[in-house]
């Protein structure tokens, strides 16, 4: 039995649309949510700038004989000048190499800043010069090259003020001094070991092979600071170590030195970061991960909840249809209409729900139920998506008519 499809009136296209509801946060809501984070970032940035400014002011001109800052060394240079010792500041390895000689003391303020190539060049120039070389706080990376046979202990001295405990004349006359810092060890029998801390010296004097010159390794630079020069025997020890020759070459290593540009000794970004920062970053990462696990939301089983209001099915269908129309998803809408129709038709014609979407099973069953259908059943139920809105409306009408026809047959 066949029946004509019921006429359907197409809704006017000029009908007013209901107001849409936006889920995007307003600027006021965004500001309310983020102002705490922004305030914390501003405070952190201001604190960082303040700390950097304070520390840069205190460390300006560190170990520079021209600086009168607390950590400068102008006072030592002036005292040496009163005793007839001239002080010359150099910033490159080439200047330091050419200035060495039997009447010169070479002071290297920060040996660890030198590259392996620079350290090798400097040692070659000083080992037979007949003068004195003073190394301030060389670490394990530099002391082995600049003072062969000497190793630096990884654990610094706990006490900064130490007594000589040796027969070196300079140390014996100076007495107690602030030399506690890096501790060293050597097997050289002729070395003078002074200012011991737990059995390891903070000051070493290594005579050259010819006995004319020597190398002094000092574990801490405190005796040269302006604000520490008048403490204990610091001034006496500094003047004796640096004033044994009439000329003092004060070497302040600089990153602009051409000798530092050596491709074989370039260090990466992580090599320049102090180890303390790396350990601190690792600890913060672990703490953040633990905090995330602690505060993470525990997802339990789904809990059914009744809606606060009853929503009519027609409103839900209409809202979903508007979403399809807004997205221009005619193919999706047609697929949904056809799938729902096939699901409802299957039990009416004796087809199992699992075979409702199989054309080879559904179409023959419909044909046997409707000997002379008024539509191409395969194109109607499994055909391509409609090309426009009018075709989609026509498809919906035809599917409704087919379902009514099957129910009344």
Protein backbone atom coordinates (compact mmCIF):
# COMPACT_ATOMS: atom_id res chain seq x y z
CA UNK A 1 0.00 0.00 0.00
CA UNK A 2 1.33 3.35 -0.96
CA UNK A 3 0.33 6.79 0.17
CA UNK A 4 1.09 10.28 -0.97
CA UNK A 5 3.51 12.19 1.24
CA UNK A 6 1.87 14.66 3.51
CA UNK A 7 2.47 18.27 2.55
CA UNK A 8 4.81 20.23 4.79
CA UNK A 9 4.93 23.98 4.95
CA UNK A 10 8.48 25.35 4.83
CA UNK A 11 9.09 27.83 7.64
CA UNK A 12 9.61 31.41 6.50
CA UNK A 13 13.24 32.36 6.21
CA UNK A 14 12.59 35.78 7.70
CA UNK A 15 11.54 34.42 11.08
CA UNK A 16 13.47 36.11 13.93
CA UNK A 17 16.22 33.98 15.48
CA UNK A 18 16.36 33.60 19.25
CA UNK A 19 19.21 35.39 20.96
CA UNK A 20 22.40 33.36 21.17
CA UNK A 21 24.21 32.76 24.41
CA UNK A 22 28.00 33.31 24.38
CA UNK A 23 30.21 31.14 26.58
CA UNK A 24 33.31 33.30 26.04
CA UNK A 25 34.64 35.05 29.13
CA UNK A 26 34.21 38.79 29.28
CA UNK A 27 37.24 41.08 29.71
CA UNK A 28 36.22 41.68 33.32
CA UNK A 29 36.13 37.95 34.02
CA UNK A 30 39.52 37.45 32.35
CA UNK A 31 41.01 40.24 34.47
CA UNK A 32 39.50 38.79 37.67
CA UNK A 33 40.96 35.37 36.94
CA UNK A 34 44.44 36.51 35.92
CA UNK A 35 45.13 39.52 38.12
CA UNK A 36 46.58 37.36 40.91
CA UNK A 37 49.07 35.71 38.55
CA UNK A 38 50.00 39.04 36.96
CA UNK A 39 50.53 40.62 40.38
CA UNK A 40 52.79 37.73 41.43
CA UNK A 41 54.83 38.07 38.21
CA UNK A 42 55.21 41.82 38.70
CA UNK A 43 56.38 41.33 42.31
CA UNK A 44 58.82 38.60 41.23
CA UNK A 45 60.19 40.78 38.43
CA UNK A 46 60.57 43.79 40.72
CA UNK A 47 62.33 41.68 43.35
CA UNK A 48 64.70 40.28 40.73
CA UNK A 49 65.55 43.75 39.42
CA UNK A 50 66.08 45.06 42.95
CA UNK A 51 68.34 42.14 43.92
CA UNK A 52 70.32 42.47 40.69
CA UNK A 53 70.73 46.20 41.24
CA UNK A 54 71.91 45.74 44.83
CA UNK A 55 74.32 42.96 43.96
CA UNK A 56 75.67 44.72 40.90
CA UNK A 57 76.38 47.80 42.98
CA UNK A 58 78.19 45.81 45.64
CA UNK A 59 80.23 43.74 43.17
CA UNK A 60 81.10 46.56 40.77
CA UNK A 61 84.83 46.56 40.06
CA UNK A 62 85.47 43.32 41.92
CA UNK A 63 89.24 42.79 42.45
CA UNK A 64 89.95 45.80 40.26
CA UNK A 65 92.93 47.81 41.59
CA UNK A 66 91.26 50.98 40.28
CA UNK A 67 88.01 50.43 42.21
CA UNK A 68 87.25 51.89 45.66
CA UNK A 69 84.15 49.72 46.11
CA UNK A 70 84.04 47.28 49.05
CA UNK A 71 85.07 44.41 46.79
CA UNK A 72 87.60 46.44 44.81
CA UNK A 73 91.37 46.44 45.41
CA UNK A 74 92.37 50.11 45.20
CA UNK A 75 93.73 50.10 48.76
CA UNK A 76 96.21 47.31 47.99
CA UNK A 77 97.41 49.09 44.85
CA UNK A 78 97.98 52.36 46.73
CA UNK A 79 99.89 50.62 49.52
CA UNK A 80 102.05 48.86 46.94
CA UNK A 81 102.67 52.19 45.19
CA UNK A 82 103.86 53.69 48.49
CA UNK A 83 106.43 50.88 48.63
CA UNK A 84 107.63 51.53 45.08
CA UNK A 85 105.74 48.73 43.35
CA UNK A 86 104.05 49.77 40.10
CA UNK A 87 100.72 48.18 39.18
CA UNK A 88 99.65 47.62 35.59
CA UNK A 89 96.20 46.30 34.68
CA UNK A 90 95.89 43.98 31.67
CA UNK A 91 92.78 42.26 30.31
CA UNK A 92 94.13 39.94 27.60
CA UNK A 93 96.27 36.83 27.67
CA UNK A 94 98.72 38.30 25.17
CA UNK A 95 99.35 41.34 27.39
CA UNK A 96 99.87 39.09 30.41
CA UNK A 97 102.29 36.84 28.51
CA UNK A 98 104.44 39.66 27.20
CA UNK A 99 104.58 41.38 30.61
CA UNK A 100 106.09 38.42 32.47
CA UNK A 101 109.72 38.60 33.58
CA UNK A 102 112.08 38.08 36.53
CA UNK A 103 111.19 41.48 38.04
CA UNK A 104 107.43 41.04 37.63
CA UNK A 105 104.65 39.51 39.69
CA UNK A 106 101.70 38.29 37.61
CA UNK A 107 98.38 38.18 39.49
CA UNK A 108 95.60 36.18 37.77
CA UNK A 109 92.38 37.22 39.50
CA UNK A 110 90.00 34.61 38.05
CA UNK A 111 91.79 31.67 36.43
CA UNK A 112 88.58 29.71 35.91
CA UNK A 113 87.42 32.24 33.31
CA UNK A 114 90.32 31.32 31.06
CA UNK A 115 89.90 28.73 28.34
CA UNK A 116 92.13 25.71 28.11
CA UNK A 117 94.07 27.39 25.29
CA UNK A 118 94.59 30.56 27.36
CA UNK A 119 95.74 28.62 30.40
CA UNK A 120 98.23 26.66 28.34
CA UNK A 121 99.66 29.84 26.78
CA UNK A 122 99.92 31.54 30.17
CA UNK A 123 101.70 28.61 31.78
CA UNK A 124 104.21 28.38 28.93
CA UNK A 125 105.05 32.06 29.41
CA UNK A 126 105.43 31.98 33.20
CA UNK A 127 107.11 28.65 33.97
CA UNK A 128 110.63 29.87 33.02
CA UNK A 129 110.16 33.62 33.44
CA UNK A 130 111.91 33.82 36.82
CA UNK A 131 109.08 35.94 38.24
CA UNK A 132 106.20 35.19 40.58
CA UNK A 133 102.74 34.06 39.51
CA UNK A 134 99.85 34.43 41.98
CA UNK A 135 96.66 32.48 41.21
CA UNK A 136 93.49 33.57 43.04
CA UNK A 137 91.06 30.74 43.83
CA UNK A 138 91.77 28.49 40.85
CA UNK A 139 89.28 25.64 40.66
CA UNK A 140 89.77 22.03 39.53
CA UNK A 141 89.41 23.05 35.87
CA UNK A 142 92.33 25.49 35.89
CA UNK A 143 94.74 24.67 38.73
CA UNK A 144 96.07 21.51 37.04
CA UNK A 145 97.26 23.49 33.99
CA UNK A 146 98.52 26.67 35.66
CA UNK A 147 100.09 24.81 38.62
CA UNK A 148 100.97 21.27 37.48
CA UNK A 149 100.90 18.71 40.23
CA UNK A 150 98.31 20.59 42.29
CA UNK A 151 94.70 19.43 42.74
CA UNK A 152 91.77 21.38 44.19
CA UNK A 153 89.58 19.80 46.85
CA UNK A 154 85.84 19.89 46.11
CA UNK A 155 84.98 20.83 49.72
CA UNK A 156 85.96 24.41 50.64
CA UNK A 157 87.27 25.41 54.05
CA UNK A 158 84.59 26.07 56.65
CA UNK A 159 86.60 28.73 58.47
CA UNK A 160 87.64 31.85 56.57
CA UNK A 161 90.19 32.93 59.20
CA UNK A 162 93.15 30.56 59.45
CA UNK A 163 96.60 30.57 61.08
CA UNK A 164 99.77 30.03 59.00
CA UNK A 165 101.00 26.71 60.45
CA UNK A 166 104.04 26.81 58.15
CA UNK A 167 107.54 28.25 57.89
CA UNK A 168 106.96 30.43 54.82
CA UNK A 169 108.35 33.88 55.79
CA UNK A 170 105.46 35.83 54.25
CA UNK A 171 102.85 33.78 56.09
CA UNK A 172 104.83 33.68 59.33
CA UNK A 173 105.13 37.48 59.45
CA UNK A 174 101.46 38.05 58.47
CA UNK A 175 99.98 35.60 60.97
CA UNK A 176 96.25 34.90 60.91
CA UNK A 177 94.55 35.93 57.66
CA UNK A 178 91.30 35.47 55.72
CA UNK A 179 92.51 32.86 53.27
CA UNK A 180 90.00 30.11 53.99
CA UNK A 181 88.37 29.00 50.74
CA UNK A 182 89.38 26.37 48.21
CA UNK A 183 91.82 23.85 49.62
CA UNK A 184 94.59 22.26 47.61
CA UNK A 185 96.83 19.23 47.67
CA UNK A 186 100.20 18.48 46.06
CA UNK A 187 102.88 15.81 46.20
CA UNK A 188 105.71 18.23 45.37
CA UNK A 189 108.23 17.87 48.24
CA UNK A 190 109.58 21.41 47.87
CA UNK A 191 106.14 23.07 48.11
CA UNK A 192 105.29 25.34 51.05
CA UNK A 193 101.85 24.49 52.46
CA UNK A 194 100.25 27.12 54.69
CA UNK A 195 96.92 27.93 56.35
CA UNK A 196 95.77 24.35 56.79
CA UNK A 197 92.12 23.40 57.15
CA UNK A 198 91.43 19.73 57.96
CA UNK A 199 94.94 18.88 56.85
CA UNK A 200 94.79 20.63 53.45
CA UNK A 201 96.39 24.03 52.77
CA UNK A 202 94.63 27.12 51.40
CA UNK A 203 97.94 28.65 50.32
CA UNK A 204 100.63 26.89 48.32
CA UNK A 205 104.00 28.16 47.14
CA UNK A 206 105.62 26.13 44.38
CA UNK A 207 109.21 27.13 43.44
CA UNK A 208 110.23 26.88 39.79
CA UNK A 209 112.68 24.23 38.66
CA UNK A 210 115.51 26.79 38.46
CA UNK A 211 114.60 28.29 41.85
CA UNK A 212 114.46 31.85 40.48
CA UNK A 213 110.67 32.18 40.34
CA UNK A 214 107.67 30.63 42.01
CA UNK A 215 103.89 30.13 41.79
CA UNK A 216 101.56 30.99 44.66
CA UNK A 217 98.11 29.41 44.80
CA UNK A 218 95.68 31.25 47.09
CA UNK A 219 92.34 29.68 48.02
CA UNK A 220 90.40 32.92 48.63
CA UNK A 221 90.69 36.54 47.37
CA UNK A 222 89.49 38.16 50.63
CA UNK A 223 92.89 39.59 51.60
CA UNK A 224 92.75 41.88 48.52
CA UNK A 225 89.28 43.37 49.12
CA UNK A 226 89.11 46.97 50.32
CA UNK A 227 86.66 46.10 53.10
CA UNK A 228 88.82 43.22 54.40
CA UNK A 229 92.31 44.67 54.08
CA UNK A 230 92.43 45.99 57.65
CA UNK A 231 91.36 42.68 59.20
CA UNK A 232 93.88 40.37 60.89
CA UNK A 233 97.08 40.00 58.83
CA UNK A 234 95.41 40.46 55.44
CA UNK A 235 97.30 43.62 54.47
CA UNK A 236 100.67 42.19 55.48
CA UNK A 237 100.12 38.96 53.54
CA UNK A 238 98.82 40.78 50.45
CA UNK A 239 101.74 43.25 50.35
CA UNK A 240 104.31 40.49 50.77
CA UNK A 241 102.82 38.19 48.14
CA UNK A 242 102.36 40.96 45.55
CA UNK A 243 105.29 43.20 46.44
CA UNK A 244 108.22 40.80 46.09
CA UNK A 245 109.04 42.31 42.65
CA UNK A 246 109.12 45.95 41.57
CA UNK A 247 106.40 45.45 38.95
CA UNK A 248 102.94 43.97 39.42
CA UNK A 249 100.84 42.91 36.41
CA UNK A 250 97.21 42.67 37.49
CA UNK A 251 95.43 40.37 35.05
CA UNK A 252 91.63 40.75 34.91
CA UNK A 253 90.39 38.12 32.39
CA UNK A 254 87.92 39.54 29.89
CA UNK A 255 85.38 37.83 27.67
CA UNK A 256 86.38 40.17 24.83
CA UNK A 257 89.86 38.65 24.70
CA UNK A 258 90.58 37.32 21.20
CA UNK A 259 92.49 34.39 22.71
CA UNK A 260 89.27 33.21 24.37
CA UNK A 261 87.68 32.54 20.96
CA UNK A 262 88.92 28.99 20.55
CA UNK A 263 86.64 26.49 18.81
CA UNK A 264 88.17 23.55 20.71
CA UNK A 265 87.26 24.99 24.12
CA UNK A 266 83.86 26.55 23.61
CA UNK A 267 81.34 25.90 26.34
CA UNK A 268 77.63 25.47 25.87
CA UNK A 269 74.83 27.33 27.58
CA UNK A 270 74.42 24.74 30.35
CA UNK A 271 78.16 24.78 31.01
CA UNK A 272 77.90 28.47 31.90
CA UNK A 273 75.07 27.95 34.41
CA UNK A 274 76.30 27.38 37.98
CA UNK A 275 75.60 23.91 39.30
CA UNK A 276 73.48 25.33 42.12
CA UNK A 277 70.95 26.72 39.63
CA UNK A 278 70.65 23.35 37.89
CA UNK A 279 70.03 21.55 41.19
CA UNK A 280 67.54 24.24 42.22
CA UNK A 281 65.65 23.91 38.93
CA UNK A 282 65.50 20.13 39.35
CA UNK A 283 64.15 20.49 42.89
CA UNK A 284 61.51 23.00 41.77
CA UNK A 285 60.44 20.67 38.94
CA UNK A 286 60.02 17.76 41.35
CA UNK A 287 58.13 19.98 43.80
CA UNK A 288 55.81 21.21 41.02
CA UNK A 289 55.12 17.64 39.90
CA UNK A 290 54.31 16.56 43.46
CA UNK A 291 52.04 19.59 43.94
CA UNK A 292 50.24 18.77 40.69
CA UNK A 293 49.67 15.18 41.82
CA UNK A 294 48.48 16.41 45.21
CA UNK A 295 46.05 19.02 43.88
CA UNK A 296 44.91 17.16 40.77
CA UNK A 297 41.18 16.50 40.52
CA UNK A 298 40.25 12.89 41.23
CA UNK A 299 37.87 11.66 38.52
CA UNK A 300 35.38 9.18 39.95
CA UNK A 301 32.41 7.37 38.34
CA UNK A 302 29.75 9.37 36.56
CA UNK A 303 26.94 10.55 38.82
CA UNK A 304 23.52 11.05 37.21
CA UNK A 305 22.01 14.38 38.03
CA UNK A 306 18.52 15.58 37.31
CA UNK A 307 18.21 18.76 35.34
CA UNK A 308 16.95 21.74 37.31
CA UNK A 309 14.25 22.32 34.70
CA UNK A 310 12.41 20.10 32.23
CA UNK A 311 13.51 20.68 28.63
CA UNK A 312 11.03 19.69 25.95
CA UNK A 313 12.29 17.32 23.30
CA UNK A 314 11.21 19.70 20.55
CA UNK A 315 13.47 22.41 21.96
CA UNK A 316 16.43 20.03 22.02
CA UNK A 317 15.78 18.96 18.44
CA UNK A 318 15.37 22.56 17.33
CA UNK A 319 18.59 23.62 19.03
CA UNK A 320 20.52 20.79 17.44
CA UNK A 321 19.04 21.65 14.05
CA UNK A 322 20.17 25.26 14.43
CA UNK A 323 23.70 24.07 15.19
CA UNK A 324 23.69 21.94 12.01
CA UNK A 325 22.39 24.88 10.00
CA UNK A 326 24.98 27.25 11.46
CA UNK A 327 27.75 24.82 10.56
CA UNK A 328 26.22 24.19 7.11
CA UNK A 329 26.33 20.46 7.96
CA UNK A 330 23.64 19.15 5.62
CA UNK A 331 25.53 15.88 5.19
CA UNK A 332 25.58 15.33 8.95
CA UNK A 333 21.89 16.20 9.27
CA UNK A 334 20.92 13.89 6.39
CA UNK A 335 22.98 11.05 7.87
CA UNK A 336 21.23 11.49 11.22
CA UNK A 337 17.76 11.51 9.62
CA UNK A 338 18.45 8.40 7.53
CA UNK A 339 20.04 6.50 10.44
CA UNK A 340 17.08 7.24 12.73
CA UNK A 341 14.60 6.19 10.03
CA UNK A 342 16.44 2.91 9.36
CA UNK A 343 16.53 2.17 13.10
CA UNK A 344 12.77 2.67 13.42
CA UNK A 345 11.92 0.74 10.21
CA UNK A 346 13.97 -2.36 11.03
CA UNK A 347 11.71 -3.83 13.77
CA UNK A 348 8.61 -3.03 11.68
CA UNK A 349 9.76 -5.25 8.80
CA UNK A 350 11.39 -8.00 10.88
CA UNK A 351 15.03 -6.99 10.52
CA UNK A 352 17.32 -7.18 13.54
CA UNK A 353 18.72 -3.88 14.81
CA UNK A 354 22.25 -5.03 13.97
CA UNK A 355 21.28 -5.35 10.29
CA UNK A 356 19.29 -2.11 10.13
CA UNK A 357 22.10 -0.20 8.44
CA UNK A 358 23.06 -2.90 5.92
CA UNK A 359 21.53 -2.19 2.48
CA UNK A 360 21.71 -5.87 1.40
CA UNK A 361 19.40 -6.84 4.27
CA UNK A 362 17.18 -3.80 4.78
CA UNK A 363 16.25 -2.99 1.15
CA UNK A 364 14.96 -6.50 0.22
CA UNK A 365 12.88 -6.61 3.40
CA UNK A 366 11.34 -3.22 2.57
CA UNK A 367 10.67 -4.26 -1.02
CA UNK A 368 8.86 -7.38 0.12
CA UNK A 369 6.79 -5.24 2.51
CA UNK A 370 6.09 -2.56 -0.12
CA UNK A 371 5.73 -4.29 -3.51
CA UNK A 372 5.46 -1.00 -5.35
CA UNK A 373 7.25 1.72 -3.34
CA UNK A 374 6.97 5.22 -4.64
CA UNK A 375 10.67 5.98 -4.13
CA UNK A 376 14.07 4.58 -4.90
CA UNK A 377 14.58 3.01 -1.48
CA UNK A 378 18.35 2.65 -1.76
CA UNK A 379 18.84 6.29 -2.81
CA UNK A 380 16.41 7.43 -0.14
CA UNK A 381 17.95 5.52 2.78
CA UNK A 382 21.61 5.24 1.71
CA UNK A 383 22.02 7.92 -0.95
CA UNK A 384 24.38 10.92 -1.14
CA UNK A 385 23.86 14.01 1.01
CA UNK A 386 21.54 16.70 -0.33
CA UNK A 387 23.06 19.66 -2.09
CA UNK A 388 20.98 22.45 -0.54
CA UNK A 389 18.49 23.17 2.23
CA UNK A 390 15.48 22.55 0.03
CA UNK A 391 16.75 19.08 -0.88
CA UNK A 392 17.33 18.35 2.83
CA UNK A 393 13.72 19.33 3.66
CA UNK A 394 12.47 17.19 0.81
CA UNK A 395 14.54 14.25 2.11
CA UNK A 396 12.99 14.62 5.57
CA UNK A 397 9.48 14.65 4.06
CA UNK A 398 10.15 11.55 2.00
CA UNK A 399 11.58 9.67 5.01
CA UNK A 400 8.48 10.56 7.07
CA UNK A 401 6.22 9.41 4.28
CA UNK A 402 8.12 6.12 3.93
CA UNK A 403 7.83 5.41 7.65
CA UNK A 404 4.09 6.15 7.65
CA UNK A 405 3.61 3.94 4.66
CA UNK A 406 5.39 1.03 6.34
CA UNK A 407 3.40 1.45 9.54
CA UNK A 408 0.06 1.47 7.69
CA UNK A 409 0.86 -1.33 5.32
